[in-house]
Amino acid sequence: MVSDTFANAIFVGKHGNMQKQDPKLRRTHKITVQFNDYEAEAFDRYCKRYKIVNRAKVVREAIISRVFDDIDRNYPTLFDREELEKFVHRI
Protein backbone atom coordinates (compact mmCIF):
# COMPACT_ATOMS: atom_id res chain seq x y z
CA MET A 1 0.00 0.00 0.00
CA VAL A 2 1.32 3.42 -0.93
CA SER A 3 1.58 5.87 1.95
CA ASP A 4 -0.13 9.26 1.83
CA THR A 5 3.19 11.06 1.42
CA PHE A 6 3.75 9.30 -1.91
CA ALA A 7 0.12 9.57 -3.01
CA ASN A 8 0.64 13.22 -3.97
CA ALA A 9 4.28 12.98 -5.08
CA ILE A 10 5.39 15.72 -7.43
CA PHE A 11 8.30 15.55 -9.82
CA VAL A 12 9.88 17.86 -12.35
CA GLY A 13 9.18 16.93 -15.97
CA LYS A 14 11.56 17.21 -18.94
CA HIS A 15 10.75 20.86 -19.52
CA GLY A 16 11.02 21.95 -15.89
CA ASN A 17 7.28 21.92 -15.22
CA MET A 18 5.91 20.28 -12.10
CA GLN A 19 3.77 17.18 -12.60
CA LYS A 20 1.97 14.84 -10.22
CA GLN A 21 3.11 11.25 -10.33
CA ASP A 22 0.52 8.49 -10.30
CA PRO A 23 1.39 6.26 -7.32
CA LYS A 24 0.56 3.16 -9.36
CA LEU A 25 3.36 4.04 -11.79
CA ARG A 26 6.07 4.27 -9.14
CA ARG A 27 8.76 1.67 -9.68
CA THR A 28 9.11 -0.05 -6.32
CA HIS A 29 10.02 -3.61 -7.37
CA LYS A 30 13.68 -4.29 -7.98
CA ILE A 31 14.92 -6.97 -10.37
CA THR A 32 18.62 -7.65 -10.79
CA VAL A 33 20.10 -8.86 -14.08
CA GLN A 34 23.59 -10.26 -14.46
CA PHE A 35 25.55 -10.44 -17.71
CA ASN A 36 28.62 -12.45 -18.56
CA ASP A 37 31.69 -10.62 -19.89
CA TYR A 38 30.63 -10.85 -23.55
CA GLU A 39 27.06 -9.70 -22.90
CA ALA A 40 28.23 -6.80 -20.74
CA GLU A 41 30.71 -5.71 -23.40
CA ALA A 42 28.07 -5.90 -26.13
CA PHE A 43 25.60 -3.91 -24.02
CA ASP A 44 28.25 -1.30 -23.23
CA ARG A 45 29.10 -0.97 -26.94
CA TYR A 46 25.41 -0.62 -27.81
CA CYS A 47 24.86 2.11 -25.21
CA LYS A 48 27.98 3.96 -26.27
CA ARG A 49 27.13 3.73 -29.97
CA TYR A 50 23.59 5.06 -29.53
CA LYS A 51 24.55 7.50 -26.74
CA ILE A 52 22.21 5.87 -24.22
CA VAL A 53 22.46 7.35 -20.76
CA ASN A 54 19.53 5.63 -19.05
CA ARG A 55 20.58 1.99 -19.33
CA ALA A 56 17.88 0.78 -16.93
CA LYS A 57 15.22 2.19 -19.26
CA VAL A 58 16.62 0.22 -22.20
CA VAL A 59 16.62 -3.03 -20.24
CA ARG A 60 13.15 -2.38 -18.79
CA GLU A 61 11.64 -1.59 -22.20
CA ALA A 62 13.25 -4.64 -23.81
CA ILE A 63 11.90 -6.96 -21.13
CA ILE A 64 8.41 -5.47 -21.04
CA SER A 65 8.08 -5.41 -24.84
CA ARG A 66 9.03 -9.11 -24.96
CA VAL A 67 6.53 -9.93 -22.21
CA PHE A 68 3.71 -8.05 -23.97
CA ASP A 69 4.56 -9.69 -27.30
CA ASP A 70 4.35 -13.13 -25.71
CA ILE A 71 1.07 -12.26 -23.99
CA ASP A 72 -0.41 -11.06 -27.29
CA ARG A 73 0.81 -14.15 -29.13
CA ASN A 74 -0.58 -16.56 -26.51
CA TYR A 75 -3.85 -14.78 -25.81
CA PRO A 76 -6.57 -17.29 -24.87
CA THR A 77 -9.13 -17.90 -27.60
CA LEU A 78 -12.42 -19.71 -27.87
CA PHE A 79 -10.91 -22.39 -30.13
CA ASP A 80 -7.63 -24.31 -30.10
CA ARG A 81 -4.99 -23.28 -32.60
CA GLU A 82 -5.60 -26.40 -34.74
CA GLU A 83 -9.33 -25.65 -34.92
CA LEU A 84 -8.66 -22.04 -35.92
CA GLU A 85 -6.38 -23.16 -38.72
CA LYS A 86 -9.24 -25.21 -40.19
CA PHE A 87 -11.27 -21.99 -40.57
CA VAL A 88 -8.52 -20.10 -42.36
CA HIS A 89 -8.98 -20.10 -46.14
CA ARG A 90 -5.74 -20.42 -48.03
CA ILE A 91 -5.57 -18.39 -51.24
C-alpha atoms as a PDB file:
ATOM      1  CA  MET A   1       0.000   0.000   0.000  1.00  0.00           C
ATOM      2  CA  VAL A   2       1.321   3.424  -0.935  1.00  0.00           C
ATOM      3  CA  SER A   3       1.583   5.866   1.946  1.00  0.00           C
ATOM      4  CA  ASP A   4      -0.135   9.256   1.825  1.00  0.00           C
ATOM      5  CA  THR A   5       3.190  11.058   1.420  1.00  0.00           C
ATOM      6  CA  PHE A   6       3.747   9.304  -1.907  1.00  0.00           C
ATOM      7  CA  ALA A   7       0.122   9.573  -3.013  1.00  0.00           C
ATOM      8  CA  ASN A   8       0.642  13.221  -3.974  1.00  0.00           C
ATOM      9  CA  ALA A   9       4.277  12.975  -5.075  1.00  0.00           C
ATOM     10  CA  ILE A  10       5.389  15.722  -7.430  1.00  0.00           C
ATOM     11  CA  PHE A  11       8.304  15.554  -9.825  1.00  0.00           C
ATOM     12  CA  VAL A  12       9.880  17.864 -12.351  1.00  0.00           C
ATOM     13  CA  GLY A  13       9.182  16.934 -15.966  1.00  0.00           C
ATOM     14  CA  LYS A  14      11.565  17.209 -18.935  1.00  0.00           C
ATOM     15  CA  HIS A  15      10.755  20.864 -19.519  1.00  0.00           C
ATOM     16  CA  GLY A  16      11.020  21.953 -15.890  1.00  0.00           C
ATOM     17  CA  ASN A  17       7.282  21.919 -15.217  1.00  0.00           C
ATOM     18  CA  MET A  18       5.914  20.276 -12.095  1.00  0.00           C
ATOM     19  CA  GLN A  19       3.773  17.179 -12.596  1.00  0.00           C
ATOM     20  CA  LYS A  20       1.966  14.835 -10.221  1.00  0.00           C
ATOM     21  CA  GLN A  21       3.111  11.253 -10.327  1.00  0.00           C
ATOM     22  CA  ASP A  22       0.519   8.490 -10.297  1.00  0.00           C
ATOM     23  CA  PRO A  23       1.390   6.256  -7.317  1.00  0.00           C
ATOM     24  CA  LYS A  24       0.557   3.160  -9.363  1.00  0.00           C
ATOM     25  CA  LEU A  25       3.358   4.043 -11.790  1.00  0.00           C
ATOM     26  CA  ARG A  26       6.065   4.269  -9.142  1.00  0.00           C
ATOM     27  CA  ARG A  27       8.761   1.673  -9.679  1.00  0.00           C
ATOM     28  CA  THR A  28       9.105  -0.049  -6.324  1.00  0.00           C
ATOM     29  CA  HIS A  29      10.016  -3.607  -7.374  1.00  0.00           C
ATOM     30  CA  LYS A  30      13.679  -4.287  -7.978  1.00  0.00           C
ATOM     31  CA  ILE A  31      14.925  -6.966 -10.372  1.00  0.00           C
ATOM     32  CA  THR A  32      18.621  -7.653 -10.789  1.00  0.00           C
ATOM     33  CA  VAL A  33      20.097  -8.859 -14.077  1.00  0.00           C
ATOM     34  CA  GLN A  34      23.586 -10.258 -14.458  1.00  0.00           C
ATOM     35  CA  PHE A  35      25.555 -10.435 -17.714  1.00  0.00           C
ATOM     36  CA  ASN A  36      28.621 -12.454 -18.556  1.00  0.00           C
ATOM     37  CA  ASP A  37      31.688 -10.618 -19.894  1.00  0.00           C
ATOM     38  CA  TYR A  38      30.627 -10.849 -23.552  1.00  0.00           C
ATOM     39  CA  GLU A  39      27.059  -9.703 -22.900  1.00  0.00           C
ATOM     40  CA  ALA A  40      28.227  -6.803 -20.745  1.00  0.00           C
ATOM     41  CA  GLU A  41      30.710  -5.710 -23.399  1.00  0.00           C
ATOM     42  CA  ALA A  42      28.073  -5.905 -26.130  1.00  0.00           C
ATOM     43  CA  PHE A  43      25.596  -3.906 -24.023  1.00  0.00           C
ATOM     44  CA  ASP A  44      28.245  -1.297 -23.227  1.00  0.00           C
ATOM     45  CA  ARG A  45      29.100  -0.969 -26.940  1.00  0.00           C
ATOM     46  CA  TYR A  46      25.411  -0.620 -27.806  1.00  0.00           C
ATOM     47  CA  CYS A  47      24.863   2.105 -25.205  1.00  0.00           C
ATOM     48  CA  LYS A  48      27.982   3.962 -26.274  1.00  0.00           C
ATOM     49  CA  ARG A  49      27.134   3.733 -29.975  1.00  0.00           C
ATOM     50  CA  TYR A  50      23.593   5.063 -29.534  1.00  0.00           C
ATOM     51  CA  LYS A  51      24.548   7.499 -26.739  1.00  0.00           C
ATOM     52  CA  ILE A  52      22.213   5.866 -24.223  1.00  0.00           C
ATOM     53  CA  VAL A  53      22.465   7.345 -20.758  1.00  0.00           C
ATOM     54  CA  ASN A  54      19.528   5.626 -19.046  1.00  0.00           C
ATOM     55  CA  ARG A  55      20.577   1.995 -19.331  1.00  0.00           C
ATOM     56  CA  ALA A  56      17.881   0.782 -16.932  1.00  0.00           C
ATOM     57  CA  LYS A  57      15.218   2.192 -19.260  1.00  0.00           C
ATOM     58  CA  VAL A  58      16.624   0.219 -22.202  1.00  0.00           C
ATOM     59  CA  VAL A  59      16.617  -3.034 -20.239  1.00  0.00           C
ATOM     60  CA  ARG A  60      13.149  -2.384 -18.791  1.00  0.00           C
ATOM     61  CA  GLU A  61      11.639  -1.587 -22.200  1.00  0.00           C
ATOM     62  CA  ALA A  62      13.247  -4.643 -23.810  1.00  0.00           C
ATOM     63  CA  ILE A  63      11.899  -6.963 -21.128  1.00  0.00           C
ATOM     64  CA  ILE A  64       8.411  -5.467 -21.043  1.00  0.00           C
ATOM     65  CA  SER A  65       8.085  -5.410 -24.842  1.00  0.00           C
ATOM     66  CA  ARG A  66       9.032  -9.112 -24.956  1.00  0.00           C
ATOM     67  CA  VAL A  67       6.528  -9.933 -22.207  1.00  0.00           C
ATOM     68  CA  PHE A  68       3.710  -8.048 -23.967  1.00  0.00           C
ATOM     69  CA  ASP A  69       4.558  -9.688 -27.301  1.00  0.00           C
ATOM     70  CA  ASP A  70       4.346 -13.130 -25.713  1.00  0.00           C
ATOM     71  CA  ILE A  71       1.073 -12.262 -23.993  1.00  0.00           C
ATOM     72  CA  ASP A  72      -0.415 -11.063 -27.288  1.00  0.00           C
ATOM     73  CA  ARG A  73       0.806 -14.148 -29.128  1.00  0.00           C
ATOM     74  CA  ASN A  74      -0.577 -16.561 -26.507  1.00  0.00           C
ATOM     75  CA  TYR A  75      -3.848 -14.777 -25.812  1.00  0.00           C
ATOM     76  CA  PRO A  76      -6.573 -17.287 -24.869  1.00  0.00           C
ATOM     77  CA  THR A  77      -9.134 -17.897 -27.602  1.00  0.00           C
ATOM     78  CA  LEU A  78     -12.423 -19.713 -27.871  1.00  0.00           C
ATOM     79  CA  PHE A  79     -10.914 -22.387 -30.128  1.00  0.00           C
ATOM     80  CA  ASP A  80      -7.633 -24.311 -30.100  1.00  0.00           C
ATOM     81  CA  ARG A  81      -4.986 -23.278 -32.596  1.00  0.00           C
ATOM     82  CA  GLU A  82      -5.599 -26.396 -34.736  1.00  0.00           C
ATOM     83  CA  GLU A  83      -9.332 -25.647 -34.917  1.00  0.00           C
ATOM     84  CA  LEU A  84      -8.664 -22.042 -35.916  1.00  0.00           C
ATOM     85  CA  GLU A  85      -6.376 -23.162 -38.721  1.00  0.00           C
ATOM     86  CA  LYS A  86      -9.244 -25.206 -40.191  1.00  0.00           C
ATOM     87  CA  PHE A  87     -11.265 -21.992 -40.565  1.00  0.00           C
ATOM     88  CA  VAL A  88      -8.519 -20.098 -42.362  1.00  0.00           C
ATOM     89  CA  HIS A  89      -8.978 -20.099 -46.142  1.00  0.00           C
ATOM     90  CA  ARG A  90      -5.743 -20.418 -48.032  1.00  0.00           C
ATOM     91  CA  ILE A  91      -5.567 -18.395 -51.245  1.00  0.00           C
END
